């Protein structure tokens, strides 16, 4: 793979992360605002909205911060990027597992809908981030 192709793929990945973060911010904020406007006490939706918006802010900040450091990579730099992507994918799966733990704990405790909503929000973000990372890993392909 040529360095300029990898650079374009890495930028596309960061653009997707930025878009996902923006969608998360808008969705979470709109849902939270709708709940406040309707004066609805829906703990599951409220906690889901907060998790979605908060993760969106983090994703946008990470994408913007990473955009500045994107540069042409040699073979070692490409391998380093792949190592970071695999690490991130493992963390993303871990986030989804933590979300599932929150969801199941909330269910078993009563049910506690706020905890369950937060768990669902974390699951969605973990899976989405894993998919984004795996897309870039797949696009890079095996290094030879």
C-alpha atoms as a PDB file:
ATOM      1  CA  UNK A   1       0.000   0.000   0.000  1.00  0.00           C
ATOM      2  CA  UNK A   2       1.250   3.462  -0.855  1.00  0.00           C
ATOM      3  CA  UNK A   3       1.736   6.026   1.896  1.00  0.00           C
ATOM      4  CA  UNK A   4      -0.670   8.506   0.299  1.00  0.00           C
ATOM      5  CA  UNK A   5      -3.386   5.832   0.109  1.00  0.00           C
ATOM      6  CA  UNK A   6      -2.930   5.028   3.778  1.00  0.00           C
ATOM      7  CA  UNK A   7      -3.043   8.741   4.589  1.00  0.00           C
ATOM      8  CA  UNK A   8      -6.356   9.052   2.756  1.00  0.00           C
ATOM      9  CA  UNK A   9      -7.744   5.984   4.564  1.00  0.00           C
ATOM     10  CA  UNK A  10      -6.668   7.328   7.940  1.00  0.00           C
ATOM     11  CA  UNK A  11      -8.254  10.711   7.215  1.00  0.00           C
ATOM     12  CA  UNK A  12     -11.471   8.999   6.108  1.00  0.00           C
ATOM     13  CA  UNK A  13     -11.479   7.052   9.371  1.00  0.00           C
ATOM     14  CA  UNK A  14     -11.145  10.260  11.372  1.00  0.00           C
ATOM     15  CA  UNK A  15     -13.905  11.880   9.313  1.00  0.00           C
ATOM     16  CA  UNK A  16     -16.191   8.934  10.070  1.00  0.00           C
ATOM     17  CA  UNK A  17     -15.333   9.214  13.758  1.00  0.00           C
ATOM     18  CA  UNK A  18     -16.079  12.942  13.620  1.00  0.00           C
ATOM     19  CA  UNK A  19     -19.428  12.332  11.920  1.00  0.00           C
ATOM     20  CA  UNK A  20     -20.327   9.580  14.414  1.00  0.00           C
ATOM     21  CA  UNK A  21     -19.421  11.897  17.272  1.00  0.00           C
ATOM     22  CA  UNK A  22     -21.486  14.745  15.840  1.00  0.00           C
ATOM     23  CA  UNK A  23     -24.471  12.443  15.299  1.00  0.00           C
ATOM     24  CA  UNK A  24     -24.126  11.215  18.873  1.00  0.00           C
ATOM     25  CA  UNK A  25     -24.004  14.769  20.260  1.00  0.00           C
ATOM     26  CA  UNK A  26     -27.039  15.864  18.267  1.00  0.00           C
ATOM     27  CA  UNK A  27     -29.038  12.719  19.042  1.00  0.00           C
ATOM     28  CA  UNK A  28     -28.219  12.660  22.741  1.00  0.00           C
ATOM     29  CA  UNK A  29     -28.794  16.380  23.182  1.00  0.00           C
ATOM     30  CA  UNK A  30     -32.052  16.353  21.222  1.00  0.00           C
ATOM     31  CA  UNK A  31     -33.381  13.402  23.182  1.00  0.00           C
ATOM     32  CA  UNK A  32     -32.415  15.010  26.483  1.00  0.00           C
ATOM     33  CA  UNK A  33     -33.976  18.344  25.446  1.00  0.00           C
ATOM     34  CA  UNK A  34     -37.165  16.570  24.370  1.00  0.00           C
ATOM     35  CA  UNK A  35     -37.401  14.837  27.753  1.00  0.00           C
ATOM     36  CA  UNK A  36     -36.914  18.141  29.575  1.00  0.00           C
ATOM     37  CA  UNK A  37     -39.428  19.924  27.324  1.00  0.00           C
ATOM     38  CA  UNK A  38     -42.031  17.200  27.840  1.00  0.00           C
ATOM     39  CA  UNK A  39     -41.209  17.063  31.560  1.00  0.00           C
ATOM     40  CA  UNK A  40     -41.006  13.329  31.232  1.00  0.00           C
ATOM     41  CA  UNK A  41     -39.350  11.294  33.961  1.00  0.00           C
ATOM     42  CA  UNK A  42     -37.900   8.537  31.824  1.00  0.00           C
ATOM     43  CA  UNK A  43     -34.643   7.516  33.527  1.00  0.00           C
ATOM     44  CA  UNK A  44     -33.705   4.973  30.871  1.00  0.00           C
ATOM     45  CA  UNK A  45     -33.985   7.492  28.033  1.00  0.00           C
ATOM     46  CA  UNK A  46     -32.381  10.278  30.073  1.00  0.00           C
ATOM     47  CA  UNK A  47     -29.315   8.205  30.943  1.00  0.00           C
ATOM     48  CA  UNK A  48     -29.075   6.870  27.400  1.00  0.00           C
ATOM     49  CA  UNK A  49     -29.178  10.464  26.096  1.00  0.00           C
ATOM     50  CA  UNK A  50     -26.476  11.621  28.511  1.00  0.00           C
ATOM     51  CA  UNK A  51     -24.180   8.705  27.605  1.00  0.00           C
ATOM     52  CA  UNK A  52     -24.740   9.268  23.892  1.00  0.00           C
ATOM     53  CA  UNK A  53     -23.988  12.992  24.037  1.00  0.00           C
ATOM     54  CA  UNK A  54     -20.968  12.559  26.342  1.00  0.00           C
ATOM     55  CA  UNK A  55     -19.404   9.869  24.166  1.00  0.00           C
ATOM     56  CA  UNK A  56     -20.073  12.057  21.129  1.00  0.00           C
ATOM     57  CA  UNK A  57     -18.120  14.936  22.644  1.00  0.00           C
ATOM     58  CA  UNK A  58     -15.202  12.633  23.431  1.00  0.00           C
ATOM     59  CA  UNK A  59     -15.244  11.159  19.918  1.00  0.00           C
ATOM     60  CA  UNK A  60     -15.273  14.599  18.284  1.00  0.00           C
ATOM     61  CA  UNK A  61     -12.412  15.814  20.471  1.00  0.00           C
ATOM     62  CA  UNK A  62     -10.345  12.682  19.742  1.00  0.00           C
ATOM     63  CA  UNK A  63     -10.943  12.985  15.989  1.00  0.00           C
ATOM     64  CA  UNK A  64      -9.988  16.661  15.944  1.00  0.00           C
ATOM     65  CA  UNK A  65      -6.897  16.069  18.071  1.00  0.00           C
ATOM     66  CA  UNK A  66      -5.785  13.124  15.926  1.00  0.00           C
ATOM     67  CA  UNK A  67      -6.375  15.012  12.662  1.00  0.00           C
ATOM     68  CA  UNK A  68      -3.403  17.292  13.400  1.00  0.00           C
ATOM     69  CA  UNK A  69      -0.976  14.404  13.739  1.00  0.00           C
ATOM     70  CA  UNK A  70      -1.953  12.464  10.611  1.00  0.00           C
ATOM     71  CA  UNK A  71       1.063  12.167   8.314  1.00  0.00           C
ATOM     72  CA  UNK A  72       2.567   9.911   5.690  1.00  0.00           C
ATOM     73  CA  UNK A  73       3.672   6.608   7.207  1.00  0.00           C
ATOM     74  CA  UNK A  74       6.374   4.135   6.337  1.00  0.00           C
ATOM     75  CA  UNK A  75       6.092   0.404   7.015  1.00  0.00           C
ATOM     76  CA  UNK A  76       6.921   0.747  10.718  1.00  0.00           C
ATOM     77  CA  UNK A  77       4.446   3.601  11.078  1.00  0.00           C
ATOM     78  CA  UNK A  78       1.758   1.526   9.380  1.00  0.00           C
ATOM     79  CA  UNK A  79       2.441  -1.375  11.723  1.00  0.00           C
ATOM     80  CA  UNK A  80       2.231   1.007  14.690  1.00  0.00           C
ATOM     81  CA  UNK A  81      -1.131   2.298  13.415  1.00  0.00           C
ATOM     82  CA  UNK A  82      -2.427  -1.259  13.084  1.00  0.00           C
ATOM     83  CA  UNK A  83      -1.266  -2.081  16.619  1.00  0.00           C
ATOM     84  CA  UNK A  84      -3.097   0.988  17.959  1.00  0.00           C
ATOM     85  CA  UNK A  85      -6.219   0.077  15.982  1.00  0.00           C
ATOM     86  CA  UNK A  86      -6.247  -3.475  17.349  1.00  0.00           C
ATOM     87  CA  UNK A  87      -5.746  -2.142  20.869  1.00  0.00           C
ATOM     88  CA  UNK A  88      -8.612   0.317  20.354  1.00  0.00           C
ATOM     89  CA  UNK A  89     -10.818  -2.451  18.995  1.00  0.00           C
ATOM     90  CA  UNK A  90     -10.169  -4.508  22.107  1.00  0.00           C
ATOM     91  CA  UNK A  91     -11.014  -1.507  24.262  1.00  0.00           C
ATOM     92  CA  UNK A  92     -14.186  -0.920  22.217  1.00  0.00           C
ATOM     93  CA  UNK A  93     -15.296  -4.492  22.854  1.00  0.00           C
ATOM     94  CA  UNK A  94     -14.473  -3.913  26.513  1.00  0.00           C
ATOM     95  CA  UNK A  95     -16.693  -0.809  26.540  1.00  0.00           C
ATOM     96  CA  UNK A  96     -19.554  -2.848  25.112  1.00  0.00           C
ATOM     97  CA  UNK A  97     -18.960  -5.518  27.769  1.00  0.00           C
ATOM     98  CA  UNK A  98     -19.012  -2.880  30.521  1.00  0.00           C
ATOM     99  CA  UNK A  99     -22.249  -1.549  29.035  1.00  0.00           C
ATOM    100  CA  UNK A 100     -23.719  -5.048  29.063  1.00  0.00           C
ATOM    101  CA  UNK A 101     -22.650  -5.402  32.694  1.00  0.00           C
ATOM    102  CA  UNK A 102     -24.392  -2.123  33.555  1.00  0.00           C
ATOM    103  CA  UNK A 103     -27.501  -3.227  31.696  1.00  0.00           C
ATOM    104  CA  UNK A 104     -27.665  -6.629  33.380  1.00  0.00           C
ATOM    105  CA  UNK A 105     -26.828  -5.201  36.801  1.00  0.00           C
ATOM    106  CA  UNK A 106     -29.563  -2.601  36.420  1.00  0.00           C
ATOM    107  CA  UNK A 107     -31.999  -5.306  35.397  1.00  0.00           C
ATOM    108  CA  UNK A 108     -31.093  -7.621  38.278  1.00  0.00           C
ATOM    109  CA  UNK A 109     -31.258  -4.856  40.896  1.00  0.00           C
ATOM    110  CA  UNK A 110     -34.776  -4.010  40.499  1.00  0.00           C
ATOM    111  CA  UNK A 111     -34.947  -2.946  37.556  1.00  0.00           C
ATOM    112  CA  UNK A 112     -33.057   0.331  37.735  1.00  0.00           C
ATOM    113  CA  UNK A 113     -33.877   1.977  34.448  1.00  0.00           C
ATOM    114  CA  UNK A 114     -31.229   4.710  34.691  1.00  0.00           C
ATOM    115  CA  UNK A 115     -28.448   2.164  34.981  1.00  0.00           C
ATOM    116  CA  UNK A 116     -29.966   0.150  32.149  1.00  0.00           C
ATOM    117  CA  UNK A 117     -30.182   3.221  29.890  1.00  0.00           C
ATOM    118  CA  UNK A 118     -26.564   4.111  30.585  1.00  0.00           C
ATOM    119  CA  UNK A 119     -25.576   0.514  29.809  1.00  0.00           C
ATOM    120  CA  UNK A 120     -27.400   0.570  26.476  1.00  0.00           C
ATOM    121  CA  UNK A 121     -25.697   3.858  25.594  1.00  0.00           C
ATOM    122  CA  UNK A 122     -22.260   2.424  26.335  1.00  0.00           C
ATOM    123  CA  UNK A 123     -23.022  -0.753  24.357  1.00  0.00           C
ATOM    124  CA  UNK A 124     -24.049   1.279  21.292  1.00  0.00           C
ATOM    125  CA  UNK A 125     -20.926   3.430  21.448  1.00  0.00           C
ATOM    126  CA  UNK A 126     -18.581   0.467  22.002  1.00  0.00           C
ATOM    127  CA  UNK A 127     -19.997  -1.471  19.061  1.00  0.00           C
ATOM    128  CA  UNK A 128     -19.975   1.565  16.761  1.00  0.00           C
ATOM    129  CA  UNK A 129     -16.373   2.413  17.600  1.00  0.00           C
ATOM    130  CA  UNK A 130     -15.314  -1.207  17.081  1.00  0.00           C
ATOM    131  CA  UNK A 131     -16.967  -1.218  13.658  1.00  0.00           C
ATOM    132  CA  UNK A 132     -15.186   2.008  12.688  1.00  0.00           C
ATOM    133  CA  UNK A 133     -11.797   0.651  13.797  1.00  0.00           C
ATOM    134  CA  UNK A 134     -12.347  -2.702  12.092  1.00  0.00           C
ATOM    135  CA  UNK A 135     -13.260  -0.934   8.841  1.00  0.00           C
ATOM    136  CA  UNK A 136      -9.883   0.797   8.803  1.00  0.00           C
ATOM    137  CA  UNK A 137      -8.056  -2.403   9.747  1.00  0.00           C
ATOM    138  CA  UNK A 138      -9.794  -4.184   6.877  1.00  0.00           C
ATOM    139  CA  UNK A 139      -9.000  -1.369   4.430  1.00  0.00           C
ATOM    140  CA  UNK A 140      -5.309  -1.456   5.343  1.00  0.00           C
ATOM    141  CA  UNK A 141      -5.191  -5.208   4.861  1.00  0.00           C
ATOM    142  CA  UNK A 142      -2.306  -7.531   5.720  1.00  0.00           C
ATOM    143  CA  UNK A 143       1.185  -6.064   5.719  1.00  0.00           C
ATOM    144  CA  UNK A 144       3.822  -7.944   3.774  1.00  0.00           C
END
